[in-house]
Amino acid sequence: MKKIKLLGILMLFVIFGHKSIAQDFHLSMYDAGPLFLNPALTGVVDAKWRLHAQYRNQWKSVAFKPYNTALISFDAPVKNWGFGAQIINMRAGVGNYNVLQAMGSLAYTVSIDKKKFHNLSLGAQGGITQKSVEYKLHTFDNQYSPANGGSFTQDIPSGESFANQSQMLPQLNAGALYYYSKIQSRINPFLGFSAFNILEPKETFFDSNNKLPMRFYAHAGLRINITEQLYLTPKILVMRQNNANEQTVALDAGYYFSSQDMYLLGGVVFRNKDAAAFSLGARFDNIIGKVSYDVNISSLSKASNGRGAFEVSFTYMASKKNKAKAVKACPRI
């Protein structure tokens, strides 16, 4: 009961103690991609290996070239170790601003009680990030001409001094995760923390001394087994980077149809003063597919008519030959 009370206090603190500031790139189904959320989730899966893909299209209603995020990851448990890799590509804007990231992941999971129900996982990610922009496609204030009613033209010098349009940054992330894995339990809590951009690399297209600040995630939740067929998972996520912070409260649900041997999945995610996202999906044996749609509720909703983003995720988990030796996974789905 102590662990449940502590998680409840954490949830209340997060819900009422933080102010939200919306950020650019989002994944509403943030924990569908485990390596995206926390390096400590690497290899924490009841399967021989796991393959995950996810895609998001954002702000199509208000942007000529909307924000697109594509992710693919692979991970596998080997005894107490977890090994994985992840590739993410994010692209947006007229200038084709692009972020391509490739990383390897490593985690170690250990049980901290004799019955092996309480588990702690520590993980790390390392790799490179390439950022690029075609700045010559942009127009700037200095390129405005009042002629013929006023317009921007690239015939006028921009006055901007770009040192380059592409750069490579080292990437180092780390995380920790606690989860309670007793299958027969009515409640299975989990709690995680992750840190990104630990090296704070220099990031600039202008040859200035600008550093990419660290980004922190804290996430927690409870899988509540209402009946043998129905479960609910309330969860929270807090993100912070310098003065920018975001708070997410969500509820997932799953109902098992024994006649089809299938779970019907649904959920709702609320980002304070930003968006509400609704998801629907299914799990057939080792395959999980989900789609979600964001309804914009920020001040931008007047221009977007409430239309935010479309997102889809797919996960395949290869079955283990010997189920008796399967590692109990974090109770997330």
C-alpha atoms as a PDB file:
ATOM      1  CA  MET A   1       0.000   0.000   0.000  1.00  0.00           C
ATOM      2  CA  LYS A   2       2.892   2.385   0.641  1.00  0.00           C
ATOM      3  CA  LYS A   3       3.999   2.280  -2.987  1.00  0.00           C
ATOM      4  CA  ILE A   4       0.430   3.006  -4.138  1.00  0.00           C
ATOM      5  CA  LYS A   5       0.066   5.976  -1.775  1.00  0.00           C
ATOM      6  CA  LEU A   6       3.389   7.435  -2.927  1.00  0.00           C
ATOM      7  CA  LEU A   7       2.324   7.206  -6.576  1.00  0.00           C
ATOM      8  CA  GLY A   8      -1.012   8.809  -5.715  1.00  0.00           C
ATOM      9  CA  ILE A   9       0.754  11.740  -4.037  1.00  0.00           C
ATOM     10  CA  LEU A  10       3.032  12.097  -7.061  1.00  0.00           C
ATOM     11  CA  MET A  11       0.016  12.205  -9.402  1.00  0.00           C
ATOM     12  CA  LEU A  12      -1.679  14.948  -7.358  1.00  0.00           C
ATOM     13  CA  PHE A  13       1.544  16.962  -7.264  1.00  0.00           C
ATOM     14  CA  VAL A  14       1.958  16.727 -11.016  1.00  0.00           C
ATOM     15  CA  ILE A  15      -1.685  17.523 -11.815  1.00  0.00           C
ATOM     16  CA  PHE A  16      -1.986  20.573  -9.580  1.00  0.00           C
ATOM     17  CA  GLY A  17       1.589  21.703  -9.099  1.00  0.00           C
ATOM     18  CA  HIS A  18       2.814  22.418 -12.623  1.00  0.00           C
ATOM     19  CA  LYS A  19       2.029  24.884 -15.343  1.00  0.00           C
ATOM     20  CA  SER A  20       2.022  23.671 -18.950  1.00  0.00           C
ATOM     21  CA  ILE A  21       3.776  25.298 -21.891  1.00  0.00           C
ATOM     22  CA  ALA A  22       3.163  23.607 -25.239  1.00  0.00           C
ATOM     23  CA  GLN A  23       6.144  22.457 -27.260  1.00  0.00           C
ATOM     24  CA  ASP A  24       6.568  21.779 -30.989  1.00  0.00           C
ATOM     25  CA  PHE A  25       7.103  18.043 -31.517  1.00  0.00           C
ATOM     26  CA  HIS A  26       4.856  15.653 -29.611  1.00  0.00           C
ATOM     27  CA  LEU A  27       3.918  12.015 -29.470  1.00  0.00           C
ATOM     28  CA  SER A  28       0.495  11.701 -27.881  1.00  0.00           C
ATOM     29  CA  MET A  29       0.960   7.923 -27.548  1.00  0.00           C
ATOM     30  CA  TYR A  30       4.290   8.639 -25.881  1.00  0.00           C
ATOM     31  CA  ASP A  31       4.685   5.249 -24.186  1.00  0.00           C
ATOM     32  CA  ALA A  32       3.769   3.205 -27.276  1.00  0.00           C
ATOM     33  CA  GLY A  33       7.429   3.650 -28.237  1.00  0.00           C
ATOM     34  CA  PRO A  34       9.293   2.509 -25.091  1.00  0.00           C
ATOM     35  CA  LEU A  35      12.798   3.613 -26.123  1.00  0.00           C
ATOM     36  CA  PHE A  36      11.434   7.069 -26.933  1.00  0.00           C
ATOM     37  CA  LEU A  37      10.090   7.474 -23.402  1.00  0.00           C
ATOM     38  CA  ASN A  38      12.828   5.975 -21.244  1.00  0.00           C
ATOM     39  CA  PRO A  39      16.090   4.110 -22.012  1.00  0.00           C
ATOM     40  CA  ALA A  40      15.383   1.930 -18.965  1.00  0.00           C
ATOM     41  CA  LEU A  41      12.479   0.322 -20.885  1.00  0.00           C
ATOM     42  CA  THR A  42      14.966  -1.302 -23.281  1.00  0.00           C
ATOM     43  CA  GLY A  43      14.338  -5.043 -23.245  1.00  0.00           C
ATOM     44  CA  VAL A  44      11.552  -4.806 -20.648  1.00  0.00           C
ATOM     45  CA  VAL A  45       9.139  -6.965 -22.626  1.00  0.00           C
ATOM     46  CA  ASP A  46       7.699 -10.464 -22.323  1.00  0.00           C
ATOM     47  CA  ALA A  47       8.944 -11.508 -25.769  1.00  0.00           C
ATOM     48  CA  LYS A  48      12.010 -12.714 -27.613  1.00  0.00           C
ATOM     49  CA  TRP A  49      12.276  -9.283 -29.241  1.00  0.00           C
ATOM     50  CA  ARG A  50      10.102  -6.239 -30.017  1.00  0.00           C
ATOM     51  CA  LEU A  51       9.791  -4.090 -33.142  1.00  0.00           C
ATOM     52  CA  HIS A  52       7.964  -0.758 -32.985  1.00  0.00           C
ATOM     53  CA  ALA A  53       7.056   1.892 -35.575  1.00  0.00           C
ATOM     54  CA  GLN A  54       5.209   5.181 -35.078  1.00  0.00           C
ATOM     55  CA  TYR A  55       4.227   8.150 -37.246  1.00  0.00           C
ATOM     56  CA  ARG A  56       2.678  11.531 -36.434  1.00  0.00           C
ATOM     57  CA  ASN A  57       1.450  14.376 -38.639  1.00  0.00           C
ATOM     58  CA  GLN A  58       0.821  17.648 -36.790  1.00  0.00           C
ATOM     59  CA  TRP A  59      -0.582  21.100 -37.647  1.00  0.00           C
ATOM     60  CA  LYS A  60      -1.630  20.180 -41.206  1.00  0.00           C
ATOM     61  CA  SER A  61      -4.632  22.493 -40.828  1.00  0.00           C
ATOM     62  CA  VAL A  62      -2.500  25.619 -40.309  1.00  0.00           C
ATOM     63  CA  ALA A  63       0.913  24.912 -41.862  1.00  0.00           C
ATOM     64  CA  PHE A  64       1.915  24.650 -45.516  1.00  0.00           C
ATOM     65  CA  LYS A  65       4.460  22.015 -44.492  1.00  0.00           C
ATOM     66  CA  PRO A  66       3.266  20.418 -41.229  1.00  0.00           C
ATOM     67  CA  TYR A  67       5.309  18.762 -38.484  1.00  0.00           C
ATOM     68  CA  ASN A  68       6.057  15.102 -39.231  1.00  0.00           C
ATOM     69  CA  THR A  69       7.595  12.650 -36.795  1.00  0.00           C
ATOM     70  CA  ALA A  70       8.593   9.088 -37.755  1.00  0.00           C
ATOM     71  CA  LEU A  71      10.119   6.559 -35.362  1.00  0.00           C
ATOM     72  CA  ILE A  72      11.285   2.965 -35.560  1.00  0.00           C
ATOM     73  CA  SER A  73      12.875   0.948 -32.754  1.00  0.00           C
ATOM     74  CA  PHE A  74      14.007  -2.580 -31.959  1.00  0.00           C
ATOM     75  CA  ASP A  75      14.872  -4.091 -28.588  1.00  0.00           C
ATOM     76  CA  ALA A  76      15.377  -7.514 -27.031  1.00  0.00           C
ATOM     77  CA  PRO A  77      16.001  -8.947 -23.551  1.00  0.00           C
ATOM     78  CA  VAL A  78      19.050 -11.163 -22.935  1.00  0.00           C
ATOM     79  CA  LYS A  79      18.836 -12.502 -19.366  1.00  0.00           C
ATOM     80  CA  ASN A  80      18.911  -9.378 -17.179  1.00  0.00           C
ATOM     81  CA  TRP A  81      20.141  -7.165 -20.000  1.00  0.00           C
ATOM     82  CA  GLY A  82      18.212  -5.301 -22.657  1.00  0.00           C
ATOM     83  CA  PHE A  83      19.667  -4.245 -26.001  1.00  0.00           C
ATOM     84  CA  GLY A  84      18.031  -1.956 -28.546  1.00  0.00           C
ATOM     85  CA  ALA A  85      18.305   0.695 -31.226  1.00  0.00           C
ATOM     86  CA  GLN A  86      16.116   3.569 -32.357  1.00  0.00           C
ATOM     87  CA  ILE A  87      15.903   5.938 -35.335  1.00  0.00           C
ATOM     88  CA  ILE A  88      13.779   9.111 -35.241  1.00  0.00           C
ATOM     89  CA  ASN A  89      13.210  11.663 -37.981  1.00  0.00           C
ATOM     90  CA  MET A  90      11.391  14.969 -37.408  1.00  0.00           C
ATOM     91  CA  ARG A  91      10.703  17.430 -40.222  1.00  0.00           C
ATOM     92  CA  ALA A  92       8.800  20.703 -40.436  1.00  0.00           C
ATOM     93  CA  GLY A  93       8.450  24.049 -42.179  1.00  0.00           C
ATOM     94  CA  VAL A  94       9.077  25.723 -45.506  1.00  0.00           C
ATOM     95  CA  GLY A  95      12.830  25.559 -44.870  1.00  0.00           C
ATOM     96  CA  ASN A  96      12.645  21.772 -44.405  1.00  0.00           C
ATOM     97  CA  TYR A  97      14.030  21.885 -40.882  1.00  0.00           C
ATOM     98  CA  ASN A  98      15.017  18.272 -40.193  1.00  0.00           C
ATOM     99  CA  VAL A  99      16.224  16.318 -37.161  1.00  0.00           C
ATOM    100  CA  LEU A 100      17.554  12.796 -37.742  1.00  0.00           C
ATOM    101  CA  GLN A 101      18.599  10.820 -34.700  1.00  0.00           C
ATOM    102  CA  ALA A 102      20.154   7.328 -34.455  1.00  0.00           C
ATOM    103  CA  MET A 103      20.866   5.732 -31.080  1.00  0.00           C
ATOM    104  CA  GLY A 104      21.738   2.469 -29.408  1.00  0.00           C
ATOM    105  CA  SER A 105      20.212   1.513 -26.045  1.00  0.00           C
ATOM    106  CA  LEU A 106      21.351  -0.637 -23.147  1.00  0.00           C
ATOM    107  CA  ALA A 107      19.498  -1.482 -19.926  1.00  0.00           C
ATOM    108  CA  TYR A 108      19.916  -3.756 -16.922  1.00  0.00           C
ATOM    109  CA  THR A 109      16.925  -5.022 -14.922  1.00  0.00           C
ATOM    110  CA  VAL A 110      17.126  -6.553 -11.452  1.00  0.00           C
ATOM    111  CA  SER A 111      14.493  -7.762  -9.000  1.00  0.00           C
ATOM    112  CA  ILE A 112      14.745  -6.093  -5.600  1.00  0.00           C
ATOM    113  CA  ASP A 113      12.706  -8.627  -3.600  1.00  0.00           C
ATOM    114  CA  LYS A 114      12.911 -12.399  -3.094  1.00  0.00           C
ATOM    115  CA  LYS A 115       9.660 -13.115  -4.969  1.00  0.00           C
ATOM    116  CA  LYS A 116      10.899 -11.057  -7.942  1.00  0.00           C
ATOM    117  CA  PHE A 117       7.782  -8.892  -8.162  1.00  0.00           C
ATOM    118  CA  HIS A 118       9.477  -5.544  -7.490  1.00  0.00           C
ATOM    119  CA  ASN A 119      11.836  -4.663 -10.350  1.00  0.00           C
ATOM    120  CA  LEU A 120      14.300  -1.872 -11.042  1.00  0.00           C
ATOM    121  CA  SER A 121      15.757  -1.122 -14.474  1.00  0.00           C
ATOM    122  CA  LEU A 122      18.565   1.301 -15.344  1.00  0.00           C
ATOM    123  CA  GLY A 123      19.252   2.273 -18.945  1.00  0.00           C
ATOM    124  CA  ALA A 124      21.349   4.478 -21.201  1.00  0.00           C
ATOM    125  CA  GLN A 125      21.231   5.623 -24.841  1.00  0.00           C
ATOM    126  CA  GLY A 126      23.994   6.982 -27.005  1.00  0.00           C
ATOM    127  CA  GLY A 127      24.237   8.092 -30.596  1.00  0.00           C
ATOM    128  CA  ILE A 128      24.231  11.079 -32.932  1.00  0.00           C
ATOM    129  CA  THR A 129      21.739  13.721 -34.033  1.00  0.00           C
ATOM    130  CA  GLN A 130      21.897  15.549 -37.347  1.00  0.00           C
ATOM    131  CA  LYS A 131      20.051  18.850 -37.655  1.00  0.00           C
ATOM    132  CA  SER A 132      19.674  20.706 -40.930  1.00  0.00           C
ATOM    133  CA  VAL A 133      17.710  23.568 -42.484  1.00  0.00           C
ATOM    134  CA  GLU A 134      17.538  24.968 -46.009  1.00  0.00           C
ATOM    135  CA  TYR A 135      17.731  28.574 -44.849  1.00  0.00           C
ATOM    136  CA  LYS A 136      17.756  29.985 -48.397  1.00  0.00           C
ATOM    137  CA  LEU A 137      14.103  28.958 -48.695  1.00  0.00           C
ATOM    138  CA  HIS A 138      13.148  31.292 -45.836  1.00  0.00           C
ATOM    139  CA  THR A 139      12.408  35.002 -45.988  1.00  0.00           C
ATOM    140  CA  PHE A 140      13.279  37.460 -43.212  1.00  0.00           C
ATOM    141  CA  ASP A 141      12.183  40.915 -42.011  1.00  0.00           C
ATOM    142  CA  ASN A 142      14.847  42.677 -44.064  1.00  0.00           C
ATOM    143  CA  GLN A 143      13.410  41.131 -47.236  1.00  0.00           C
ATOM    144  CA  TYR A 144      10.061  42.884 -47.024  1.00  0.00           C
ATOM    145  CA  SER A 145       9.249  45.283 -49.863  1.00  0.00           C
ATOM    146  CA  PRO A 146       6.314  47.747 -49.719  1.00  0.00           C
ATOM    147  CA  ALA A 147       6.045  47.762 -53.538  1.00  0.00           C
ATOM    148  CA  ASN A 148       2.810  46.529 -55.125  1.00  0.00           C
ATOM    149  CA  GLY A 149       0.966  46.344 -51.848  1.00  0.00           C
ATOM    150  CA  GLY A 150       3.867  44.807 -49.899  1.00  0.00           C
ATOM    151  CA  SER A 151       5.487  41.382 -50.021  1.00  0.00           C
ATOM    152  CA  PHE A 152       8.627  39.454 -49.101  1.00  0.00           C
ATOM    153  CA  THR A 153      11.226  38.867 -51.800  1.00  0.00           C
ATOM    154  CA  GLN A 154      14.515  36.982 -51.797  1.00  0.00           C
ATOM    155  CA  ASP A 155      15.972  39.525 -54.211  1.00  0.00           C
ATOM    156  CA  ILE A 156      16.731  41.666 -51.145  1.00  0.00           C
ATOM    157  CA  PRO A 157      19.660  40.493 -48.927  1.00  0.00           C
ATOM    158  CA  SER A 158      18.381  38.933 -45.690  1.00  0.00           C
ATOM    159  CA  GLY A 159      21.148  40.311 -43.489  1.00  0.00           C
ATOM    160  CA  GLU A 160      21.400  36.926 -41.753  1.00  0.00           C
ATOM    161  CA  SER A 161      24.791  35.276 -41.326  1.00  0.00           C
ATOM    162  CA  PHE A 162      24.436  31.483 -41.393  1.00  0.00           C
ATOM    163  CA  ALA A 163      27.650  29.558 -40.709  1.00  0.00           C
ATOM    164  CA  ASN A 164      26.188  26.262 -41.973  1.00  0.00           C
ATOM    165  CA  GLN A 165      22.925  24.545 -42.735  1.00  0.00           C
ATOM    166  CA  SER A 166      23.757  21.174 -41.193  1.00  0.00           C
ATOM    167  CA  GLN A 167      25.368  20.024 -37.956  1.00  0.00           C
ATOM    168  CA  MET A 168      26.076  16.823 -36.023  1.00  0.00           C
ATOM    169  CA  LEU A 169      25.465  16.594 -32.273  1.00  0.00           C
ATOM    170  CA  PRO A 170      26.443  13.816 -29.835  1.00  0.00           C
ATOM    171  CA  GLN A 171      23.472  12.339 -27.982  1.00  0.00           C
ATOM    172  CA  LEU A 172      23.501  10.777 -24.518  1.00  0.00           C
ATOM    173  CA  ASN A 173      20.387   9.868 -22.514  1.00  0.00           C
ATOM    174  CA  ALA A 174      19.764   7.870 -19.340  1.00  0.00           C
ATOM    175  CA  GLY A 175      16.812   6.618 -17.332  1.00  0.00           C
ATOM    176  CA  ALA A 176      15.534   4.579 -14.409  1.00  0.00           C
ATOM    177  CA  LEU A 177      12.319   2.575 -14.016  1.00  0.00           C
ATOM    178  CA  TYR A 178      10.524   0.798 -11.165  1.00  0.00           C
ATOM    179  CA  TYR A 179       7.621  -1.577 -11.816  1.00  0.00           C
ATOM    180  CA  TYR A 180       5.620  -4.186  -9.914  1.00  0.00           C
ATOM    181  CA  SER A 181       5.108  -7.268 -12.082  1.00  0.00           C
ATOM    182  CA  LYS A 182       2.910  -9.689 -10.106  1.00  0.00           C
ATOM    183  CA  ILE A 183       0.350 -10.825 -12.692  1.00  0.00           C
ATOM    184  CA  GLN A 184      -2.248 -11.817 -10.075  1.00  0.00           C
ATOM    185  CA  SER A 185      -2.141  -8.402  -8.397  1.00  0.00           C
ATOM    186  CA  ARG A 186      -5.159  -6.091  -8.568  1.00  0.00           C
ATOM    187  CA  ILE A 187      -2.861  -3.070  -8.952  1.00  0.00           C
ATOM    188  CA  ASN A 188       0.507  -2.853 -10.734  1.00  0.00           C
ATOM    189  CA  PRO A 189       2.287   0.500 -10.276  1.00  0.00           C
ATOM    190  CA  PHE A 190       5.209   1.815 -12.317  1.00  0.00           C
ATOM    191  CA  LEU A 191       7.386   4.911 -12.017  1.00  0.00           C
ATOM    192  CA  GLY A 192      10.153   6.195 -14.275  1.00  0.00           C
ATOM    193  CA  PHE A 193      12.539   9.068 -14.782  1.00  0.00           C
ATOM    194  CA  SER A 194      14.670   9.882 -17.829  1.00  0.00           C
ATOM    195  CA  ALA A 195      17.140  12.593 -18.830  1.00  0.00           C
ATOM    196  CA  PHE A 196      18.030  13.588 -22.403  1.00  0.00           C
ATOM    197  CA  ASN A 197      20.802  15.741 -23.927  1.00  0.00           C
ATOM    198  CA  ILE A 198      23.031  15.002 -20.941  1.00  0.00           C
ATOM    199  CA  LEU A 199      26.126  16.304 -22.768  1.00  0.00           C
ATOM    200  CA  GLU A 200      24.385  19.624 -23.588  1.00  0.00           C
ATOM    201  CA  PRO A 201      26.138  19.849 -26.988  1.00  0.00           C
ATOM    202  CA  LYS A 202      26.680  23.074 -28.900  1.00  0.00           C
ATOM    203  CA  GLU A 203      23.698  23.687 -31.192  1.00  0.00           C
ATOM    204  CA  THR A 204      23.734  26.582 -33.651  1.00  0.00           C
ATOM    205  CA  PHE A 205      23.550  27.457 -37.331  1.00  0.00           C
ATOM    206  CA  PHE A 206      25.199  30.832 -36.627  1.00  0.00           C
ATOM    207  CA  ASP A 207      28.504  29.762 -35.008  1.00  0.00           C
ATOM    208  CA  SER A 208      27.363  31.112 -31.635  1.00  0.00           C
ATOM    209  CA  ASN A 209      28.002  29.527 -28.247  1.00  0.00           C
ATOM    210  CA  ASN A 210      24.490  28.097 -27.868  1.00  0.00           C
ATOM    211  CA  LYS A 211      24.016  24.820 -25.965  1.00  0.00           C
ATOM    212  CA  LEU A 212      21.147  22.345 -26.217  1.00  0.00           C
ATOM    213  CA  PRO A 213      19.759  22.155 -22.655  1.00  0.00           C
ATOM    214  CA  MET A 214      18.964  18.913 -20.867  1.00  0.00           C
ATOM    215  CA  ARG A 215      15.385  17.618 -21.039  1.00  0.00           C
ATOM    216  CA  PHE A 216      13.769  15.642 -18.207  1.00  0.00           C
ATOM    217  CA  TYR A 217      10.818  13.233 -18.175  1.00  0.00           C
ATOM    218  CA  ALA A 218       9.003  11.851 -15.138  1.00  0.00           C
ATOM    219  CA  HIS A 219       6.258   9.319 -15.758  1.00  0.00           C
ATOM    220  CA  ALA A 220       4.108   7.169 -13.488  1.00  0.00           C
ATOM    221  CA  GLY A 221       0.941   5.109 -13.532  1.00  0.00           C
ATOM    222  CA  LEU A 222      -1.095   2.214 -12.217  1.00  0.00           C
ATOM    223  CA  ARG A 223      -2.526  -0.725 -14.106  1.00  0.00           C
ATOM    224  CA  ILE A 224      -5.769  -1.502 -12.280  1.00  0.00           C
ATOM    225  CA  ASN A 225      -7.241  -4.916 -13.071  1.00  0.00           C
ATOM    226  CA  ILE A 226     -10.975  -4.299 -12.615  1.00  0.00           C
ATOM    227  CA  THR A 227     -11.964  -7.814 -13.723  1.00  0.00           C
ATOM    228  CA  GLU A 228     -10.234 -10.629 -15.590  1.00  0.00           C
ATOM    229  CA  GLN A 229     -11.378  -8.978 -18.849  1.00  0.00           C
ATOM    230  CA  LEU A 230     -11.140  -5.253 -18.057  1.00  0.00           C
ATOM    231  CA  TYR A 231      -8.251  -3.067 -16.914  1.00  0.00           C
ATOM    232  CA  LEU A 232      -7.669   0.680 -16.566  1.00  0.00           C
ATOM    233  CA  THR A 233      -4.314   2.478 -16.556  1.00  0.00           C
ATOM    234  CA  PRO A 234      -4.289   6.081 -15.275  1.00  0.00           C
ATOM    235  CA  LYS A 235      -0.907   7.666 -15.910  1.00  0.00           C
ATOM    236  CA  ILE A 236       0.969  10.948 -15.920  1.00  0.00           C
ATOM    237  CA  LEU A 237       3.939  12.445 -17.743  1.00  0.00           C
ATOM    238  CA  VAL A 238       5.861  15.601 -16.882  1.00  0.00           C
ATOM    239  CA  MET A 239       8.456  17.067 -19.240  1.00  0.00           C
ATOM    240  CA  ARG A 240      10.786  19.959 -18.489  1.00  0.00           C
ATOM    241  CA  GLN A 241      13.523  21.709 -20.478  1.00  0.00           C
ATOM    242  CA  ASN A 242      14.842  24.986 -19.092  1.00  0.00           C
ATOM    243  CA  ASN A 243      11.764  27.193 -18.583  1.00  0.00           C
ATOM    244  CA  ALA A 244       9.550  25.098 -20.857  1.00  0.00           C
ATOM    245  CA  ASN A 245       7.455  22.434 -19.171  1.00  0.00           C
ATOM    246  CA  GLU A 246       4.530  20.225 -20.079  1.00  0.00           C
ATOM    247  CA  GLN A 247       2.087  18.160 -18.076  1.00  0.00           C
ATOM    248  CA  THR A 248       0.138  15.218 -19.466  1.00  0.00           C
ATOM    249  CA  VAL A 249      -2.611  13.242 -17.745  1.00  0.00           C
ATOM    250  CA  ALA A 250      -3.968  10.124 -19.453  1.00  0.00           C
ATOM    251  CA  LEU A 251      -6.216   7.101 -19.020  1.00  0.00           C
ATOM    252  CA  ASP A 252      -5.843   3.864 -21.007  1.00  0.00           C
ATOM    253  CA  ALA A 253      -8.318   0.987 -21.007  1.00  0.00           C
ATOM    254  CA  GLY A 254      -8.364  -2.556 -22.359  1.00  0.00           C
ATOM    255  CA  TYR A 255     -11.136  -5.122 -22.642  1.00  0.00           C
ATOM    256  CA  TYR A 256     -10.493  -8.764 -23.522  1.00  0.00           C
ATOM    257  CA  PHE A 257     -12.841 -10.552 -25.939  1.00  0.00           C
ATOM    258  CA  SER A 258     -12.222 -14.256 -25.331  1.00  0.00           C
ATOM    259  CA  SER A 259     -14.176 -15.367 -28.409  1.00  0.00           C
ATOM    260  CA  GLN A 260     -11.789 -13.413 -30.686  1.00  0.00           C
ATOM    261  CA  ASP A 261      -8.745 -13.759 -28.395  1.00  0.00           C
ATOM    262  CA  MET A 262      -8.320  -9.975 -28.711  1.00  0.00           C
ATOM    263  CA  TYR A 263      -7.946  -6.913 -26.536  1.00  0.00           C
ATOM    264  CA  LEU A 264      -9.843  -3.790 -27.571  1.00  0.00           C
ATOM    265  CA  LEU A 265      -7.749  -0.777 -26.532  1.00  0.00           C
ATOM    266  CA  GLY A 266      -8.770   2.830 -25.987  1.00  0.00           C
ATOM    267  CA  GLY A 267      -7.480   5.913 -24.263  1.00  0.00           C
ATOM    268  CA  VAL A 268      -7.581   9.639 -23.745  1.00  0.00           C
ATOM    269  CA  VAL A 269      -4.627  11.992 -23.196  1.00  0.00           C
ATOM    270  CA  PHE A 270      -4.970  15.558 -21.926  1.00  0.00           C
ATOM    271  CA  ARG A 271      -2.149  18.103 -22.308  1.00  0.00           C
ATOM    272  CA  ASN A 272      -2.976  21.141 -20.201  1.00  0.00           C
ATOM    273  CA  LYS A 273      -3.969  24.179 -22.314  1.00  0.00           C
ATOM    274  CA  ASP A 274      -2.818  22.392 -25.479  1.00  0.00           C
ATOM    275  CA  ALA A 275      -4.771  19.366 -26.720  1.00  0.00           C
ATOM    276  CA  ALA A 276      -6.901  16.343 -25.912  1.00  0.00           C
ATOM    277  CA  ALA A 277      -5.987  13.159 -27.802  1.00  0.00           C
ATOM    278  CA  PHE A 278      -8.212  10.122 -28.241  1.00  0.00           C
ATOM    279  CA  SER A 279      -6.849   6.711 -29.217  1.00  0.00           C
ATOM    280  CA  LEU A 280      -8.332   3.418 -30.349  1.00  0.00           C
ATOM    281  CA  GLY A 281      -6.627   0.132 -31.141  1.00  0.00           C
ATOM    282  CA  ALA A 282      -6.422  -3.600 -30.639  1.00  0.00           C
ATOM    283  CA  ARG A 283      -4.027  -6.304 -29.563  1.00  0.00           C
ATOM    284  CA  PHE A 284      -4.040  -9.676 -31.319  1.00  0.00           C
ATOM    285  CA  ASP A 285      -1.622 -12.029 -29.578  1.00  0.00           C
ATOM    286  CA  ASN A 286       1.780 -10.347 -30.151  1.00  0.00           C
ATOM    287  CA  ILE A 287       0.618  -7.532 -32.429  1.00  0.00           C
ATOM    288  CA  ILE A 288      -0.550  -4.121 -31.180  1.00  0.00           C
ATOM    289  CA  GLY A 289      -1.951  -1.425 -33.463  1.00  0.00           C
ATOM    290  CA  LYS A 290      -3.299   1.951 -32.367  1.00  0.00           C
ATOM    291  CA  VAL A 291      -4.393   5.249 -33.915  1.00  0.00           C
ATOM    292  CA  SER A 292      -4.994   8.572 -32.180  1.00  0.00           C
ATOM    293  CA  TYR A 293      -6.232  12.037 -33.048  1.00  0.00           C
ATOM    294  CA  ASP A 294      -5.521  15.320 -31.257  1.00  0.00           C
ATOM    295  CA  VAL A 295      -8.227  17.919 -30.754  1.00  0.00           C
ATOM    296  CA  ASN A 296      -6.541  21.292 -30.343  1.00  0.00           C
ATOM    297  CA  ILE A 297      -7.818  23.278 -27.336  1.00  0.00           C
ATOM    298  CA  SER A 298      -5.120  25.980 -27.185  1.00  0.00           C
ATOM    299  CA  SER A 299      -5.444  29.570 -28.418  1.00  0.00           C
ATOM    300  CA  LEU A 300      -4.501  28.256 -31.871  1.00  0.00           C
ATOM    301  CA  SER A 301      -7.832  26.412 -32.070  1.00  0.00           C
ATOM    302  CA  LYS A 302      -9.443  29.491 -33.668  1.00  0.00           C
ATOM    303  CA  ALA A 303      -7.181  29.048 -36.677  1.00  0.00           C
ATOM    304  CA  SER A 304      -7.027  25.248 -36.657  1.00  0.00           C
ATOM    305  CA  ASN A 305     -10.754  24.696 -35.965  1.00  0.00           C
ATOM    306  CA  GLY A 306      -9.661  22.267 -33.273  1.00  0.00           C
ATOM    307  CA  ARG A 307      -7.741  20.049 -35.693  1.00  0.00           C
ATOM    308  CA  GLY A 308      -4.395  19.022 -34.229  1.00  0.00           C
ATOM    309  CA  ALA A 309      -2.618  15.814 -35.238  1.00  0.00           C
ATOM    310  CA  PHE A 310      -3.032  12.266 -36.489  1.00  0.00           C
ATOM    311  CA  GLU A 311      -0.859   9.492 -35.077  1.00  0.00           C
ATOM    312  CA  VAL A 312      -0.486   5.763 -35.691  1.00  0.00           C
ATOM    313  CA  SER A 313       1.639   3.120 -33.933  1.00  0.00           C
ATOM    314  CA  PHE A 314       2.423  -0.541 -34.580  1.00  0.00           C
ATOM    315  CA  THR A 315       4.235  -3.017 -32.334  1.00  0.00           C
ATOM    316  CA  TYR A 316       5.220  -6.626 -32.992  1.00  0.00           C
ATOM    317  CA  MET A 317       6.602  -8.876 -30.248  1.00  0.00           C
ATOM    318  CA  ALA A 318       8.175 -12.206 -31.204  1.00  0.00           C
ATOM    319  CA  SER A 319       7.010 -15.096 -29.009  1.00  0.00           C
ATOM    320  CA  LYS A 320       9.433 -16.860 -26.737  1.00  0.00           C
ATOM    321  CA  LYS A 321       9.892 -20.598 -27.245  1.00  0.00           C
ATOM    322  CA  ASN A 322       9.721 -21.261 -23.508  1.00  0.00           C
ATOM    323  CA  LYS A 323       6.965 -19.146 -21.958  1.00  0.00           C
ATOM    324  CA  ALA A 324       7.786 -20.424 -18.477  1.00  0.00           C
ATOM    325  CA  LYS A 325      11.045 -18.490 -18.537  1.00  0.00           C
ATOM    326  CA  ALA A 326       9.483 -15.270 -19.861  1.00  0.00           C
ATOM    327  CA  VAL A 327      10.420 -12.062 -18.093  1.00  0.00           C
ATOM    328  CA  LYS A 328       7.421 -10.218 -16.651  1.00  0.00           C
ATOM    329  CA  ALA A 329       7.092  -6.918 -18.485  1.00  0.00           C
ATOM    330  CA  CYS A 330       6.184  -3.473 -17.201  1.00  0.00           C
ATOM    331  CA  PRO A 331       2.345  -3.440 -16.883  1.00  0.00           C
ATOM    332  CA  ARG A 332       1.757  -0.791 -19.545  1.00  0.00           C
ATOM    333  CA  ILE A 333      -0.655  -2.521 -21.949  1.00  0.00           C
END
